[in-house]
């Protein structure tokens, strides 16, 4: 958890920005940071009632379509002008497009996956470097949230898995370029929380894929974020939140 003696400094010096924080895991982590008194900002794709609620709580909310290179460049400018110095940049935004069906527009799927999971984080990291240097205490953080699927691959989501693997590799490259002032790490989760419409059969089948056999919920990601931001000696590494799938 975030230590009390660092919390005051985080609030004074820079904001924590989470991309794709309008729902599910990103929203949970944003709210937990708010509970700790942190200054936070977020990006979102689709307007929802919760966005106005967050604005009323002091969250800087920036709408962006990360599948569009022009939108990403515009977002980088808005981050500079409206958010300012950054304590951390957390790349949570994601899309999960399948490519198994024969009538799939494969080129479009791959392009979207690479744009959202690689190009957007790449551009934002480059454009936000100075903001991260301004907000460091004495370091700042970039955290890429990838996926357990990188380890195994997926015959149903080949483009998705490949783009997340590219994101994981970027963490190591950015860790080299931005050290020692900016630490860059990865969190790779598997199942965290089911969707409301998931069948009981699907739930049971999925739970059996890990030795832990539980639906852990989004707080495990928040705990990992806090560990990485508090730790002074970890960069270019990955935290795997998979319940022991690799030993199943």
C-alpha atoms as a PDB file:
ATOM      1  CA  UNK A   1       0.000   0.000   0.000  1.00  0.00           C
ATOM      2  CA  UNK A   2       1.029   3.624  -0.441  1.00  0.00           C
ATOM      3  CA  UNK A   3       3.004   4.776   2.562  1.00  0.00           C
ATOM      4  CA  UNK A   4       1.727   7.818   4.457  1.00  0.00           C
ATOM      5  CA  UNK A   5       5.068   9.606   4.237  1.00  0.00           C
ATOM      6  CA  UNK A   6       5.014   9.457   0.421  1.00  0.00           C
ATOM      7  CA  UNK A   7       1.322  10.232  -0.024  1.00  0.00           C
ATOM      8  CA  UNK A   8       1.686  13.904   0.913  1.00  0.00           C
ATOM      9  CA  UNK A   9       4.542  14.382  -1.543  1.00  0.00           C
ATOM     10  CA  UNK A  10       2.647  12.649  -4.369  1.00  0.00           C
ATOM     11  CA  UNK A  11      -0.295  15.007  -3.914  1.00  0.00           C
ATOM     12  CA  UNK A  12       1.927  18.080  -3.905  1.00  0.00           C
ATOM     13  CA  UNK A  13       4.120  17.302  -6.903  1.00  0.00           C
ATOM     14  CA  UNK A  14       2.232  15.503  -9.657  1.00  0.00           C
ATOM     15  CA  UNK A  15      -0.873  13.670 -10.775  1.00  0.00           C
ATOM     16  CA  UNK A  16      -1.384  10.004 -11.507  1.00  0.00           C
ATOM     17  CA  UNK A  17      -2.912   9.542 -14.962  1.00  0.00           C
ATOM     18  CA  UNK A  18      -4.738   6.322 -15.872  1.00  0.00           C
ATOM     19  CA  UNK A  19      -5.853   5.721 -19.452  1.00  0.00           C
ATOM     20  CA  UNK A  20      -9.157   3.956 -20.089  1.00  0.00           C
ATOM     21  CA  UNK A  21     -10.377   4.507 -16.538  1.00  0.00           C
ATOM     22  CA  UNK A  22     -14.066   4.945 -17.254  1.00  0.00           C
ATOM     23  CA  UNK A  23     -15.047   1.422 -16.211  1.00  0.00           C
ATOM     24  CA  UNK A  24     -13.997  -1.848 -14.579  1.00  0.00           C
ATOM     25  CA  UNK A  25     -10.365  -2.170 -13.439  1.00  0.00           C
ATOM     26  CA  UNK A  26      -9.243   1.311 -14.404  1.00  0.00           C
ATOM     27  CA  UNK A  27     -12.191   2.938 -12.648  1.00  0.00           C
ATOM     28  CA  UNK A  28     -11.632   0.866  -9.513  1.00  0.00           C
ATOM     29  CA  UNK A  29      -7.961   1.851  -9.313  1.00  0.00           C
ATOM     30  CA  UNK A  30      -8.823   5.506  -9.899  1.00  0.00           C
ATOM     31  CA  UNK A  31     -11.342   5.482  -7.071  1.00  0.00           C
ATOM     32  CA  UNK A  32      -8.895   3.770  -4.711  1.00  0.00           C
ATOM     33  CA  UNK A  33      -6.294   6.434  -5.435  1.00  0.00           C
ATOM     34  CA  UNK A  34      -8.900   9.117  -4.757  1.00  0.00           C
ATOM     35  CA  UNK A  35      -9.611   7.482  -1.393  1.00  0.00           C
ATOM     36  CA  UNK A  36      -5.921   7.862  -0.572  1.00  0.00           C
ATOM     37  CA  UNK A  37      -6.055  11.591  -1.323  1.00  0.00           C
ATOM     38  CA  UNK A  38      -4.092  11.444  -4.566  1.00  0.00           C
ATOM     39  CA  UNK A  39      -4.451  13.912  -7.411  1.00  0.00           C
ATOM     40  CA  UNK A  40      -5.602  11.876 -10.384  1.00  0.00           C
ATOM     41  CA  UNK A  41      -6.498  12.260 -14.038  1.00  0.00           C
ATOM     42  CA  UNK A  42      -7.955   9.814 -16.513  1.00  0.00           C
ATOM     43  CA  UNK A  43      -8.822   9.243 -20.143  1.00  0.00           C
ATOM     44  CA  UNK A  44     -12.038   7.648 -21.335  1.00  0.00           C
ATOM     45  CA  UNK A  45     -13.546   6.695 -24.683  1.00  0.00           C
ATOM     46  CA  UNK A  46     -17.304   6.768 -24.048  1.00  0.00           C
ATOM     47  CA  UNK A  47     -19.358   9.220 -21.992  1.00  0.00           C
ATOM     48  CA  UNK A  48     -20.971   7.603 -18.954  1.00  0.00           C
ATOM     49  CA  UNK A  49     -22.717   9.101 -15.903  1.00  0.00           C
ATOM     50  CA  UNK A  50     -19.698   8.188 -13.792  1.00  0.00           C
ATOM     51  CA  UNK A  51     -17.525  10.647 -15.749  1.00  0.00           C
ATOM     52  CA  UNK A  52     -19.435  13.654 -14.412  1.00  0.00           C
ATOM     53  CA  UNK A  53     -19.319  12.158 -10.923  1.00  0.00           C
ATOM     54  CA  UNK A  54     -15.540  11.915 -11.176  1.00  0.00           C
ATOM     55  CA  UNK A  55     -15.242  15.497 -12.411  1.00  0.00           C
ATOM     56  CA  UNK A  56     -17.211  16.661  -9.383  1.00  0.00           C
ATOM     57  CA  UNK A  57     -14.628  14.895  -7.208  1.00  0.00           C
ATOM     58  CA  UNK A  58     -11.787  16.831  -8.820  1.00  0.00           C
ATOM     59  CA  UNK A  59     -10.650  14.255 -11.376  1.00  0.00           C
ATOM     60  CA  UNK A  60      -9.388  15.644 -14.692  1.00  0.00           C
ATOM     61  CA  UNK A  61     -11.285  13.592 -17.303  1.00  0.00           C
ATOM     62  CA  UNK A  62     -10.068  13.675 -20.908  1.00  0.00           C
ATOM     63  CA  UNK A  63     -12.044  12.053 -23.723  1.00  0.00           C
ATOM     64  CA  UNK A  64      -9.848  10.358 -26.330  1.00  0.00           C
ATOM     65  CA  UNK A  65     -10.093   7.766 -29.088  1.00  0.00           C
ATOM     66  CA  UNK A  66      -6.797   5.923 -28.757  1.00  0.00           C
ATOM     67  CA  UNK A  67      -7.453   4.057 -32.018  1.00  0.00           C
ATOM     68  CA  UNK A  68      -6.804   7.358 -33.840  1.00  0.00           C
ATOM     69  CA  UNK A  69      -3.199   8.653 -34.101  1.00  0.00           C
ATOM     70  CA  UNK A  70      -4.461  12.244 -34.421  1.00  0.00           C
ATOM     71  CA  UNK A  71      -6.566  11.846 -31.282  1.00  0.00           C
ATOM     72  CA  UNK A  72      -3.532  10.552 -29.363  1.00  0.00           C
ATOM     73  CA  UNK A  73      -1.470  13.588 -30.390  1.00  0.00           C
ATOM     74  CA  UNK A  74      -4.309  15.881 -29.331  1.00  0.00           C
ATOM     75  CA  UNK A  75      -4.524  14.011 -26.036  1.00  0.00           C
ATOM     76  CA  UNK A  76      -0.820  14.533 -25.396  1.00  0.00           C
ATOM     77  CA  UNK A  77      -1.300  18.275 -25.839  1.00  0.00           C
ATOM     78  CA  UNK A  78      -4.272  18.290 -23.457  1.00  0.00           C
ATOM     79  CA  UNK A  79      -2.286  16.352 -20.857  1.00  0.00           C
ATOM     80  CA  UNK A  80       0.452  18.970 -21.040  1.00  0.00           C
ATOM     81  CA  UNK A  81      -1.986  21.892 -20.843  1.00  0.00           C
ATOM     82  CA  UNK A  82      -4.639  20.540 -18.454  1.00  0.00           C
ATOM     83  CA  UNK A  83      -2.926  17.926 -16.289  1.00  0.00           C
ATOM     84  CA  UNK A  84       0.657  19.117 -15.903  1.00  0.00           C
ATOM     85  CA  UNK A  85       3.431  17.290 -14.003  1.00  0.00           C
ATOM     86  CA  UNK A  86       2.891  13.545 -13.676  1.00  0.00           C
ATOM     87  CA  UNK A  87       3.773  11.268 -10.786  1.00  0.00           C
ATOM     88  CA  UNK A  88       2.774   8.250 -12.889  1.00  0.00           C
ATOM     89  CA  UNK A  89       1.374   7.344 -16.298  1.00  0.00           C
ATOM     90  CA  UNK A  90      -0.598   4.082 -16.229  1.00  0.00           C
ATOM     91  CA  UNK A  91      -1.537   2.540 -19.585  1.00  0.00           C
ATOM     92  CA  UNK A  92      -4.742   0.661 -18.820  1.00  0.00           C
ATOM     93  CA  UNK A  93      -6.788   1.422 -21.966  1.00  0.00           C
ATOM     94  CA  UNK A  94      -7.462  -1.719 -23.975  1.00  0.00           C
ATOM     95  CA  UNK A  95      -9.680  -3.361 -26.576  1.00  0.00           C
ATOM     96  CA  UNK A  96     -10.269  -7.080 -27.059  1.00  0.00           C
ATOM     97  CA  UNK A  97     -11.016  -7.800 -30.703  1.00  0.00           C
ATOM     98  CA  UNK A  98     -11.292 -11.442 -31.859  1.00  0.00           C
ATOM     99  CA  UNK A  99      -9.895 -12.602 -35.194  1.00  0.00           C
ATOM    100  CA  UNK A 100     -11.096 -16.209 -35.458  1.00  0.00           C
ATOM    101  CA  UNK A 101     -14.034 -15.869 -37.866  1.00  0.00           C
ATOM    102  CA  UNK A 102     -13.360 -16.176 -41.597  1.00  0.00           C
ATOM    103  CA  UNK A 103     -15.246 -12.958 -42.428  1.00  0.00           C
ATOM    104  CA  UNK A 104     -13.067 -10.887 -40.059  1.00  0.00           C
ATOM    105  CA  UNK A 105     -11.358  -7.797 -41.462  1.00  0.00           C
ATOM    106  CA  UNK A 106      -7.958  -9.032 -40.274  1.00  0.00           C
ATOM    107  CA  UNK A 107      -6.001  -5.971 -41.354  1.00  0.00           C
ATOM    108  CA  UNK A 108      -8.371  -3.660 -39.478  1.00  0.00           C
ATOM    109  CA  UNK A 109      -8.243  -5.783 -36.325  1.00  0.00           C
ATOM    110  CA  UNK A 110      -4.444  -5.869 -36.307  1.00  0.00           C
ATOM    111  CA  UNK A 111      -4.204  -2.161 -37.038  1.00  0.00           C
ATOM    112  CA  UNK A 112      -6.566  -1.288 -34.178  1.00  0.00           C
ATOM    113  CA  UNK A 113      -4.819  -3.593 -31.724  1.00  0.00           C
ATOM    114  CA  UNK A 114      -1.361  -2.230 -32.546  1.00  0.00           C
ATOM    115  CA  UNK A 115      -2.600   1.351 -32.415  1.00  0.00           C
ATOM    116  CA  UNK A 116      -4.344   1.024 -29.040  1.00  0.00           C
ATOM    117  CA  UNK A 117      -1.831  -1.210 -27.254  1.00  0.00           C
ATOM    118  CA  UNK A 118       1.452  -0.068 -28.798  1.00  0.00           C
ATOM    119  CA  UNK A 119       1.327   3.172 -30.781  1.00  0.00           C
ATOM    120  CA  UNK A 120      -0.777   5.121 -28.280  1.00  0.00           C
ATOM    121  CA  UNK A 121       1.374   4.172 -25.238  1.00  0.00           C
ATOM    122  CA  UNK A 122       4.533   4.753 -27.291  1.00  0.00           C
ATOM    123  CA  UNK A 123       3.485   8.265 -28.313  1.00  0.00           C
ATOM    124  CA  UNK A 124       2.195   9.212 -24.862  1.00  0.00           C
ATOM    125  CA  UNK A 125       5.408   8.003 -23.212  1.00  0.00           C
ATOM    126  CA  UNK A 126       7.470  10.114 -25.596  1.00  0.00           C
ATOM    127  CA  UNK A 127       5.270  13.192 -25.344  1.00  0.00           C
ATOM    128  CA  UNK A 128       4.873  13.009 -21.554  1.00  0.00           C
ATOM    129  CA  UNK A 129       8.518  12.448 -20.639  1.00  0.00           C
ATOM    130  CA  UNK A 130       9.083  16.042 -19.515  1.00  0.00           C
ATOM    131  CA  UNK A 131       5.903  15.996 -17.429  1.00  0.00           C
ATOM    132  CA  UNK A 132       7.106  12.803 -15.735  1.00  0.00           C
ATOM    133  CA  UNK A 133      10.485  14.390 -15.026  1.00  0.00           C
ATOM    134  CA  UNK A 134       8.718  17.394 -13.492  1.00  0.00           C
ATOM    135  CA  UNK A 135       6.598  15.161 -11.239  1.00  0.00           C
ATOM    136  CA  UNK A 136       9.273  12.731 -10.002  1.00  0.00           C
ATOM    137  CA  UNK A 137       9.878  12.203  -6.258  1.00  0.00           C
ATOM    138  CA  UNK A 138      12.740  11.438  -6.873  1.00  0.00           C
ATOM    139  CA  UNK A 139      11.442   9.021  -9.510  1.00  0.00           C
ATOM    140  CA  UNK A 140       8.221   8.768 -11.502  1.00  0.00           C
ATOM    141  CA  UNK A 141       6.586   5.737 -13.082  1.00  0.00           C
ATOM    142  CA  UNK A 142       5.232   4.428 -16.346  1.00  0.00           C
ATOM    143  CA  UNK A 143       3.211   1.230 -15.932  1.00  0.00           C
ATOM    144  CA  UNK A 144       1.941  -0.825 -18.872  1.00  0.00           C
ATOM    145  CA  UNK A 145      -0.951  -3.191 -18.135  1.00  0.00           C
ATOM    146  CA  UNK A 146      -0.654  -6.087 -20.566  1.00  0.00           C
ATOM    147  CA  UNK A 147      -2.182  -9.574 -20.290  1.00  0.00           C
ATOM    148  CA  UNK A 148      -1.345 -13.110 -19.192  1.00  0.00           C
ATOM    149  CA  UNK A 149      -2.113 -14.185 -22.779  1.00  0.00           C
ATOM    150  CA  UNK A 150       1.316 -12.838 -23.808  1.00  0.00           C
ATOM    151  CA  UNK A 151       2.872 -15.900 -22.155  1.00  0.00           C
ATOM    152  CA  UNK A 152       0.735 -18.481 -23.983  1.00  0.00           C
ATOM    153  CA  UNK A 153      -0.615 -16.804 -27.112  1.00  0.00           C
ATOM    154  CA  UNK A 154      -4.223 -17.109 -28.270  1.00  0.00           C
ATOM    155  CA  UNK A 155      -5.716 -18.739 -31.350  1.00  0.00           C
ATOM    156  CA  UNK A 156      -8.877 -16.631 -30.926  1.00  0.00           C
ATOM    157  CA  UNK A 157      -7.172 -13.264 -30.376  1.00  0.00           C
ATOM    158  CA  UNK A 158      -3.873 -13.399 -32.277  1.00  0.00           C
ATOM    159  CA  UNK A 159      -3.665  -9.661 -32.977  1.00  0.00           C
ATOM    160  CA  UNK A 160      -4.595  -8.815 -29.386  1.00  0.00           C
ATOM    161  CA  UNK A 161      -1.942 -11.135 -27.937  1.00  0.00           C
ATOM    162  CA  UNK A 162       0.728  -9.868 -30.330  1.00  0.00           C
ATOM    163  CA  UNK A 163       0.022  -6.216 -29.539  1.00  0.00           C
ATOM    164  CA  UNK A 164       0.094  -6.841 -25.800  1.00  0.00           C
ATOM    165  CA  UNK A 165       3.413  -8.663 -26.228  1.00  0.00           C
ATOM    166  CA  UNK A 166       4.742  -5.609 -28.040  1.00  0.00           C
ATOM    167  CA  UNK A 167       3.610  -3.420 -25.174  1.00  0.00           C
ATOM    168  CA  UNK A 168       5.462  -5.650 -22.715  1.00  0.00           C
ATOM    169  CA  UNK A 169       8.637  -5.389 -24.781  1.00  0.00           C
ATOM    170  CA  UNK A 170       8.325  -1.594 -24.882  1.00  0.00           C
ATOM    171  CA  UNK A 171       8.493  -1.548 -21.094  1.00  0.00           C
ATOM    172  CA  UNK A 172      12.043  -2.874 -21.194  1.00  0.00           C
ATOM    173  CA  UNK A 173      13.103  -0.460 -23.913  1.00  0.00           C
ATOM    174  CA  UNK A 174      11.598   2.569 -22.202  1.00  0.00           C
ATOM    175  CA  UNK A 175      13.100   1.457 -18.886  1.00  0.00           C
ATOM    176  CA  UNK A 176      16.524   1.671 -20.527  1.00  0.00           C
ATOM    177  CA  UNK A 177      15.933   5.024 -22.187  1.00  0.00           C
ATOM    178  CA  UNK A 178      14.212   6.795 -19.301  1.00  0.00           C
ATOM    179  CA  UNK A 179      16.315   5.495 -16.386  1.00  0.00           C
ATOM    180  CA  UNK A 180      17.044   6.372 -13.671  1.00  0.00           C
ATOM    181  CA  UNK A 181      14.490   9.172 -13.223  1.00  0.00           C
ATOM    182  CA  UNK A 182      11.515   7.269 -14.678  1.00  0.00           C
ATOM    183  CA  UNK A 183      10.858   3.628 -13.802  1.00  0.00           C
ATOM    184  CA  UNK A 184       8.948   1.579 -16.379  1.00  0.00           C
ATOM    185  CA  UNK A 185       7.276  -1.709 -15.471  1.00  0.00           C
ATOM    186  CA  UNK A 186       4.488  -4.049 -16.561  1.00  0.00           C
ATOM    187  CA  UNK A 187       1.515  -5.714 -14.873  1.00  0.00           C
ATOM    188  CA  UNK A 188       0.198  -8.813 -16.666  1.00  0.00           C
ATOM    189  CA  UNK A 189      -3.176  -9.992 -15.294  1.00  0.00           C
ATOM    190  CA  UNK A 190      -5.309 -12.926 -16.356  1.00  0.00           C
ATOM    191  CA  UNK A 191      -8.936 -13.210 -15.233  1.00  0.00           C
ATOM    192  CA  UNK A 192      -9.791 -10.497 -12.711  1.00  0.00           C
ATOM    193  CA  UNK A 193     -13.557 -10.121 -12.859  1.00  0.00           C
ATOM    194  CA  UNK A 194     -16.333 -11.675 -14.914  1.00  0.00           C
ATOM    195  CA  UNK A 195     -18.812  -9.756 -17.031  1.00  0.00           C
ATOM    196  CA  UNK A 196     -22.442  -9.650 -15.937  1.00  0.00           C
ATOM    197  CA  UNK A 197     -23.616 -11.841 -18.814  1.00  0.00           C
ATOM    198  CA  UNK A 198     -21.033 -14.611 -18.445  1.00  0.00           C
ATOM    199  CA  UNK A 199     -22.635 -18.043 -18.065  1.00  0.00           C
ATOM    200  CA  UNK A 200     -22.044 -20.268 -15.063  1.00  0.00           C
ATOM    201  CA  UNK A 201     -20.453 -22.849 -17.349  1.00  0.00           C
ATOM    202  CA  UNK A 202     -17.968 -20.302 -18.644  1.00  0.00           C
ATOM    203  CA  UNK A 203     -17.210 -19.054 -15.133  1.00  0.00           C
ATOM    204  CA  UNK A 204     -16.438 -22.530 -13.806  1.00  0.00           C
ATOM    205  CA  UNK A 205     -14.335 -23.449 -16.835  1.00  0.00           C
ATOM    206  CA  UNK A 206     -12.308 -20.266 -16.506  1.00  0.00           C
ATOM    207  CA  UNK A 207     -11.770 -20.563 -12.759  1.00  0.00           C
ATOM    208  CA  UNK A 208     -10.271 -24.025 -13.260  1.00  0.00           C
ATOM    209  CA  UNK A 209      -7.484 -22.572 -15.409  1.00  0.00           C
ATOM    210  CA  UNK A 210      -5.577 -21.307 -12.354  1.00  0.00           C
ATOM    211  CA  UNK A 211      -4.390 -23.101  -9.221  1.00  0.00           C
ATOM    212  CA  UNK A 212      -5.977 -20.377  -7.064  1.00  0.00           C
ATOM    213  CA  UNK A 213      -9.379 -20.964  -8.671  1.00  0.00           C
ATOM    214  CA  UNK A 214     -10.873 -17.599  -7.691  1.00  0.00           C
ATOM    215  CA  UNK A 215     -12.169 -14.406  -9.249  1.00  0.00           C
ATOM    216  CA  UNK A 216      -9.802 -11.992  -7.468  1.00  0.00           C
ATOM    217  CA  UNK A 217     -11.424  -8.694  -8.399  1.00  0.00           C
ATOM    218  CA  UNK A 218      -9.705  -5.476  -9.532  1.00  0.00           C
ATOM    219  CA  UNK A 219      -8.048  -4.596  -6.230  1.00  0.00           C
ATOM    220  CA  UNK A 220      -5.120  -6.919  -6.983  1.00  0.00           C
ATOM    221  CA  UNK A 221      -4.161  -4.531  -9.782  1.00  0.00           C
ATOM    222  CA  UNK A 222      -4.376  -1.550  -7.443  1.00  0.00           C
ATOM    223  CA  UNK A 223      -2.104  -3.350  -4.970  1.00  0.00           C
ATOM    224  CA  UNK A 224       0.414  -4.030  -7.746  1.00  0.00           C
ATOM    225  CA  UNK A 225       0.316  -0.383  -8.849  1.00  0.00           C
ATOM    226  CA  UNK A 226       1.066   0.781  -5.324  1.00  0.00           C
ATOM    227  CA  UNK A 227       3.961  -1.655  -5.007  1.00  0.00           C
ATOM    228  CA  UNK A 228       5.546  -0.485  -8.241  1.00  0.00           C
ATOM    229  CA  UNK A 229       5.143   3.206  -7.450  1.00  0.00           C
ATOM    230  CA  UNK A 230       6.563   2.771  -3.941  1.00  0.00           C
ATOM    231  CA  UNK A 231       9.485   0.556  -4.946  1.00  0.00           C
ATOM    232  CA  UNK A 232      12.732   2.397  -5.660  1.00  0.00           C
ATOM    233  CA  UNK A 233      14.657  -0.484  -7.250  1.00  0.00           C
ATOM    234  CA  UNK A 234      12.437  -2.154  -9.840  1.00  0.00           C
ATOM    235  CA  UNK A 235      12.337  -1.212 -13.513  1.00  0.00           C
ATOM    236  CA  UNK A 236      11.964  -3.096 -16.784  1.00  0.00           C
ATOM    237  CA  UNK A 237      10.175  -5.917 -14.944  1.00  0.00           C
ATOM    238  CA  UNK A 238       6.756  -7.568 -14.931  1.00  0.00           C
ATOM    239  CA  UNK A 239       4.303  -8.496 -12.186  1.00  0.00           C
ATOM    240  CA  UNK A 240       2.164 -11.492 -13.175  1.00  0.00           C
ATOM    241  CA  UNK A 241      -1.334 -11.579 -11.681  1.00  0.00           C
ATOM    242  CA  UNK A 242      -2.497 -14.938 -12.987  1.00  0.00           C
ATOM    243  CA  UNK A 243      -3.402 -17.044  -9.944  1.00  0.00           C
ATOM    244  CA  UNK A 244      -0.734 -19.574 -10.874  1.00  0.00           C
ATOM    245  CA  UNK A 245      -1.983 -20.393 -14.371  1.00  0.00           C
ATOM    246  CA  UNK A 246       1.569 -21.126 -15.467  1.00  0.00           C
ATOM    247  CA  UNK A 247       1.796 -24.081 -13.067  1.00  0.00           C
ATOM    248  CA  UNK A 248      -1.686 -25.494 -13.629  1.00  0.00           C
END
